[in-house]
Protein backbone atom coordinates (compact mmCIF):
# COMPACT_ATOMS: atom_id res chain seq x y z
CA MET A 1 104.28 85.11 102.57
CA SER A 2 103.35 82.46 105.11
CA ASN A 3 105.98 81.03 107.41
CA VAL A 4 103.81 78.01 108.13
CA VAL A 5 105.02 74.65 106.87
CA GLN A 6 102.15 72.63 105.39
CA PRO A 7 102.36 68.88 104.63
CA ALA A 8 101.00 69.41 101.11
CA GLN A 9 103.79 71.83 100.13
CA ARG A 10 105.86 70.65 97.17
CA VAL A 11 109.49 71.05 98.14
CA ALA A 12 112.82 70.72 96.36
CA VAL A 13 116.15 70.52 98.16
CA LEU A 14 119.34 71.79 96.48
CA VAL A 15 122.59 71.07 98.31
CA ASP A 16 125.85 72.92 97.68
CA SER A 17 127.96 69.96 98.80
CA GLN A 18 131.30 71.78 98.51
CA ASN A 19 130.13 74.64 100.71
CA LEU A 20 128.88 72.29 103.44
CA TYR A 21 131.91 70.01 103.16
CA HIS A 22 134.41 72.82 103.67
CA THR A 23 132.54 74.13 106.70
CA THR A 24 132.18 70.76 108.38
CA GLN A 25 135.83 69.96 107.73
CA SER A 26 137.27 73.30 108.85
CA VAL A 27 134.99 73.89 111.85
CA TYR A 28 134.22 70.35 113.06
CA SER A 29 136.69 68.04 111.27
CA ARG A 30 133.68 65.86 110.50
CA ASN A 31 131.32 65.12 107.62
CA ILE A 32 127.71 66.10 107.03
CA ASP A 33 124.92 63.58 107.62
CA TYR A 34 123.00 63.94 104.35
CA ASP A 35 120.22 61.63 105.51
CA GLU A 36 119.44 63.92 108.46
CA LEU A 37 119.89 67.01 106.30
CA LEU A 38 117.31 65.77 103.79
CA ASP A 39 114.90 64.75 106.55
CA GLU A 40 115.09 68.21 108.16
CA ALA A 41 114.78 69.99 104.81
CA VAL A 42 111.70 68.06 103.70
CA ASN A 43 110.10 68.34 107.16
CA GLY A 44 107.16 66.05 106.36
CA ARG A 45 106.31 67.78 103.08
CA GLU A 46 106.04 66.33 99.57
CA LEU A 47 109.56 65.99 98.12
CA THR A 48 109.64 66.91 94.44
CA ARG A 49 113.42 66.81 93.85
CA ALA A 50 116.55 66.51 95.96
CA ILE A 51 119.78 67.37 94.16
CA ALA A 52 123.29 67.29 95.58
CA TYR A 53 125.84 69.26 93.55
CA VAL A 54 129.23 67.60 93.91
CA ILE A 55 132.73 67.92 92.54
CA ARG A 56 134.77 65.00 91.21
CA ALA A 57 138.26 65.45 92.63
CA ASN A 58 139.42 61.87 91.98
CA SER A 59 139.69 60.97 95.65
CA PRO A 60 139.42 57.28 96.55
CA GLU A 61 136.16 57.45 98.52
CA GLU A 62 134.16 59.78 96.29
CA ASP A 63 132.39 57.10 94.22
CA SER A 64 131.02 55.47 97.36
CA PHE A 65 130.01 58.95 98.62
CA PHE A 66 128.11 59.68 95.38
CA GLU A 67 126.43 56.26 95.62
CA ALA A 68 125.47 56.90 99.27
CA LEU A 69 123.86 60.22 98.27
CA GLU A 70 121.78 58.41 95.65
CA ASN A 71 120.75 55.72 98.15
CA ILE A 72 119.51 58.46 100.51
CA GLY A 73 117.37 59.92 97.71
CA PHE A 74 119.51 62.62 96.12
CA GLU A 75 120.13 63.03 92.44
CA THR A 76 123.81 63.83 92.09
CA LYS A 77 125.05 66.38 89.63
CA ILE A 78 128.78 65.93 89.22
CA LYS A 79 131.23 68.48 87.89
CA GLU A 80 134.86 67.70 87.15
CA ILE A 81 137.43 69.85 88.93
CA LYS A 82 139.22 72.19 86.49
CA THR A 83 142.96 72.72 86.53
CA HIS A 84 143.98 76.09 85.13
CA ALA A 85 147.19 76.98 83.26
CA ASP A 86 148.71 78.43 86.46
CA GLY A 87 148.09 75.12 88.28
CA SER A 88 145.21 76.43 90.38
CA LYS A 89 142.04 74.36 90.59
CA SER A 90 138.41 75.39 90.65
CA ALA A 91 134.95 73.95 90.50
CA ASP A 92 131.78 75.88 91.03
CA TRP A 93 128.14 74.87 90.82
CA ASP A 94 126.56 78.29 91.50
CA VAL A 95 125.20 78.88 87.99
CA GLY A 96 123.94 75.30 87.68
CA MET A 97 122.16 75.49 91.03
CA ILE A 98 120.58 78.83 90.15
CA LEU A 99 119.37 77.57 86.75
CA ASP A 100 117.87 74.45 88.33
CA ALA A 101 116.16 76.52 91.05
CA VAL A 102 114.61 78.90 88.52
CA THR A 103 113.55 75.98 86.28
CA LEU A 104 111.99 74.06 89.18
CA ALA A 105 110.27 77.10 90.75
CA PRO A 106 106.97 76.85 88.82
CA HIS A 107 106.55 73.28 90.16
CA LEU A 108 107.29 74.11 93.81
CA ASP A 109 105.83 75.75 96.86
CA THR A 110 109.15 75.74 98.72
CA LEU A 111 112.81 75.58 97.75
CA VAL A 112 115.31 74.59 100.41
CA ILE A 113 118.83 75.68 99.53
CA CYS A 114 121.58 74.14 101.63
CA THR A 115 124.50 76.54 101.47
CA GLY A 116 125.93 79.45 103.37
CA ASP A 117 127.06 81.22 100.19
CA GLY A 118 125.81 84.80 99.96
CA ASP A 119 125.95 84.58 96.16
CA PHE A 120 122.53 82.89 96.40
CA SER A 121 120.81 85.82 98.12
CA ARG A 122 119.69 87.32 94.80
CA LEU A 123 118.20 83.94 93.84
CA CYS A 124 116.24 83.90 97.11
CA SER A 125 114.80 87.34 96.36
CA HIS A 126 113.89 86.32 92.81
CA LEU A 127 112.13 83.11 93.91
CA ARG A 128 110.25 84.84 96.73
CA HIS A 129 109.05 87.45 94.26
CA ALA A 130 107.79 84.58 92.09
CA GLY A 131 105.79 83.20 95.05
CA VAL A 132 108.14 80.41 96.10
CA ARG A 133 108.98 80.08 99.79
CA VAL A 134 112.77 79.91 100.21
CA GLU A 135 114.42 78.22 103.16
CA ALA A 136 118.18 78.22 103.65
CA MET A 137 120.04 75.65 105.73
CA ALA A 138 123.72 75.93 106.62
CA PHE A 139 126.18 76.22 109.48
CA GLY A 140 125.76 79.68 110.98
CA GLU A 141 129.44 80.43 111.44
CA SER A 142 130.02 80.22 107.69
CA THR A 143 126.75 81.66 106.43
CA SER A 144 126.39 85.05 104.80
CA GLU A 145 124.05 87.46 106.63
CA GLU A 146 122.84 88.53 103.20
CA LEU A 147 121.61 84.98 102.52
CA VAL A 148 119.90 84.70 105.92
CA ASP A 149 118.12 88.01 105.31
CA ALA A 150 117.04 87.05 101.78
CA ALA A 151 115.42 83.72 102.75
CA ASP A 152 111.98 83.26 104.32
CA ALA A 153 113.54 80.99 106.95
CA PHE A 154 117.05 79.96 107.99
CA THR A 155 118.01 76.76 109.80
CA ASP A 156 121.36 77.03 111.56
CA LEU A 157 122.73 73.48 111.45
CA SER A 158 125.28 74.47 114.12
CA ALA A 159 122.50 74.81 116.68
CA ARG A 160 121.99 71.03 116.47
CA SER A 161 125.34 70.00 115.00
CA GLU A 162 125.24 66.52 116.59
CA ARG A 163 122.20 65.72 114.46
CA PHE A 164 123.77 66.88 111.23
CA LEU A 165 127.33 65.60 111.59
CA LEU A 166 128.77 62.10 111.23
């Protein structure tokens, strides 16, 4: 499979917002610059879809964050945080992201997945087998080697963190 980026490639960008948020908070105590992230992911190609998968945690600034994502050009898919009987909380978009990736694949040349989560390595292999170029983008210090190995290309956002952080 070619590693050359062509302007005519149809690209979709799927962003695991929780994964990136936790890394930027724990490592940098900063937030991700989604405008720069999208620009780097598209890389001059034809953007088909850009989807940010987010969790509603009922924090005061989240509605303006969701609106900002939409203004940049992302569709937002919002999942409510679940509180379990034992009081623990969870929210996970993995299955939703995988289903969207597989559904979009026939309409794409390239899928850019923005996450460091190794759970997506099998998806990368599946899409590559189907003829879709898969690029992963995440912060290297919190990215699974398995994911890096499964993608056609990996962009370590840490290498140019000043560009990708607010």
